[in-house]
Amino acid sequence: MKSKKRERKFGKGSRACRRCGRHDGLIRSYGLYYCRQCFREVGRKLGFKKYS
């Protein structure tokens, strides 16, 4: 009999990218919750500019 998985309340496993679901490289500033790869694709649409 397998035990039921519980929801994480804190730590790396509790937060995931809202676009692809990754837990690594998460940008949490300003409540974004995008991984860095998705942020590169979506950042311009959100109003962020690349300065260099």
C-alpha atoms as a PDB file:
ATOM      1  CA  MET A   1       0.000   0.000   0.000  1.00  0.00           C
ATOM      2  CA  LYS A   2       1.449   3.366  -1.037  1.00  0.00           C
ATOM      3  CA  SER A   3       1.159   6.374   1.182  1.00  0.00           C
ATOM      4  CA  LYS A   4      -0.551   9.480  -0.124  1.00  0.00           C
ATOM      5  CA  LYS A   5       1.801  12.319  -1.099  1.00  0.00           C
ATOM      6  CA  ARG A   6       1.289  15.468   0.882  1.00  0.00           C
ATOM      7  CA  GLU A   7       1.461  19.010  -0.412  1.00  0.00           C
ATOM      8  CA  ARG A   8       4.698  20.863   0.334  1.00  0.00           C
ATOM      9  CA  LYS A   9       4.295  23.959   2.486  1.00  0.00           C
ATOM     10  CA  PHE A  10       7.834  25.361   2.214  1.00  0.00           C
ATOM     11  CA  GLY A  11      11.126  24.646   0.506  1.00  0.00           C
ATOM     12  CA  LYS A  12      12.118  24.194  -3.113  1.00  0.00           C
ATOM     13  CA  GLY A  13       9.403  21.647  -3.849  1.00  0.00           C
ATOM     14  CA  SER A  14       6.590  23.974  -2.828  1.00  0.00           C
ATOM     15  CA  ARG A  15       7.192  26.487  -5.626  1.00  0.00           C
ATOM     16  CA  ALA A  16       7.159  25.771  -9.357  1.00  0.00           C
ATOM     17  CA  CYS A  17       7.212  27.752 -12.579  1.00  0.00           C
ATOM     18  CA  ARG A  18       3.678  28.760 -13.478  1.00  0.00           C
ATOM     19  CA  ARG A  19       4.372  28.083 -17.159  1.00  0.00           C
ATOM     20  CA  CYS A  20       6.297  24.788 -17.331  1.00  0.00           C
ATOM     21  CA  GLY A  21       6.361  23.476 -13.736  1.00  0.00           C
ATOM     22  CA  ARG A  22      10.140  23.462 -13.145  1.00  0.00           C
ATOM     23  CA  HIS A  23      11.488  23.892  -9.636  1.00  0.00           C
ATOM     24  CA  ASP A  24      15.001  25.056 -10.623  1.00  0.00           C
ATOM     25  CA  GLY A  25      16.073  28.601 -11.505  1.00  0.00           C
ATOM     26  CA  LEU A  26      12.862  30.176 -10.256  1.00  0.00           C
ATOM     27  CA  ILE A  27      12.500  33.974 -10.379  1.00  0.00           C
ATOM     28  CA  ARG A  28      10.328  34.955  -7.440  1.00  0.00           C
ATOM     29  CA  SER A  29      10.898  38.719  -7.548  1.00  0.00           C
ATOM     30  CA  TYR A  30       7.696  40.767  -7.884  1.00  0.00           C
ATOM     31  CA  GLY A  31       5.665  37.561  -7.489  1.00  0.00           C
ATOM     32  CA  LEU A  32       6.602  36.317 -10.985  1.00  0.00           C
ATOM     33  CA  TYR A  33       7.233  32.615 -10.269  1.00  0.00           C
ATOM     34  CA  TYR A  34       8.747  31.899 -13.706  1.00  0.00           C
ATOM     35  CA  CYS A  35      11.844  29.778 -14.246  1.00  0.00           C
ATOM     36  CA  ARG A  36      14.717  31.607 -15.913  1.00  0.00           C
ATOM     37  CA  GLN A  37      14.161  29.861 -19.254  1.00  0.00           C
ATOM     38  CA  CYS A  38      10.491  30.854 -19.434  1.00  0.00           C
ATOM     39  CA  PHE A  39      11.307  34.357 -18.209  1.00  0.00           C
ATOM     40  CA  ARG A  40      13.634  34.868 -21.190  1.00  0.00           C
ATOM     41  CA  GLU A  41      10.740  34.052 -23.522  1.00  0.00           C
ATOM     42  CA  VAL A  42       7.959  35.904 -21.694  1.00  0.00           C
ATOM     43  CA  GLY A  43       9.841  38.779 -20.009  1.00  0.00           C
ATOM     44  CA  ARG A  44       9.487  41.203 -22.906  1.00  0.00           C
ATOM     45  CA  LYS A  45       5.684  40.759 -22.954  1.00  0.00           C
ATOM     46  CA  LEU A  46       5.577  41.432 -19.210  1.00  0.00           C
ATOM     47  CA  GLY A  47       7.329  44.789 -19.701  1.00  0.00           C
ATOM     48  CA  PHE A  48      10.920  43.944 -18.762  1.00  0.00           C
ATOM     49  CA  LYS A  49      13.764  45.377 -20.854  1.00  0.00           C
ATOM     50  CA  LYS A  50      17.181  43.914 -21.560  1.00  0.00           C
ATOM     51  CA  TYR A  51      19.783  46.617 -20.947  1.00  0.00           C
ATOM     52  CA  SER A  52      22.967  44.943 -22.165  1.00  0.00           C
END
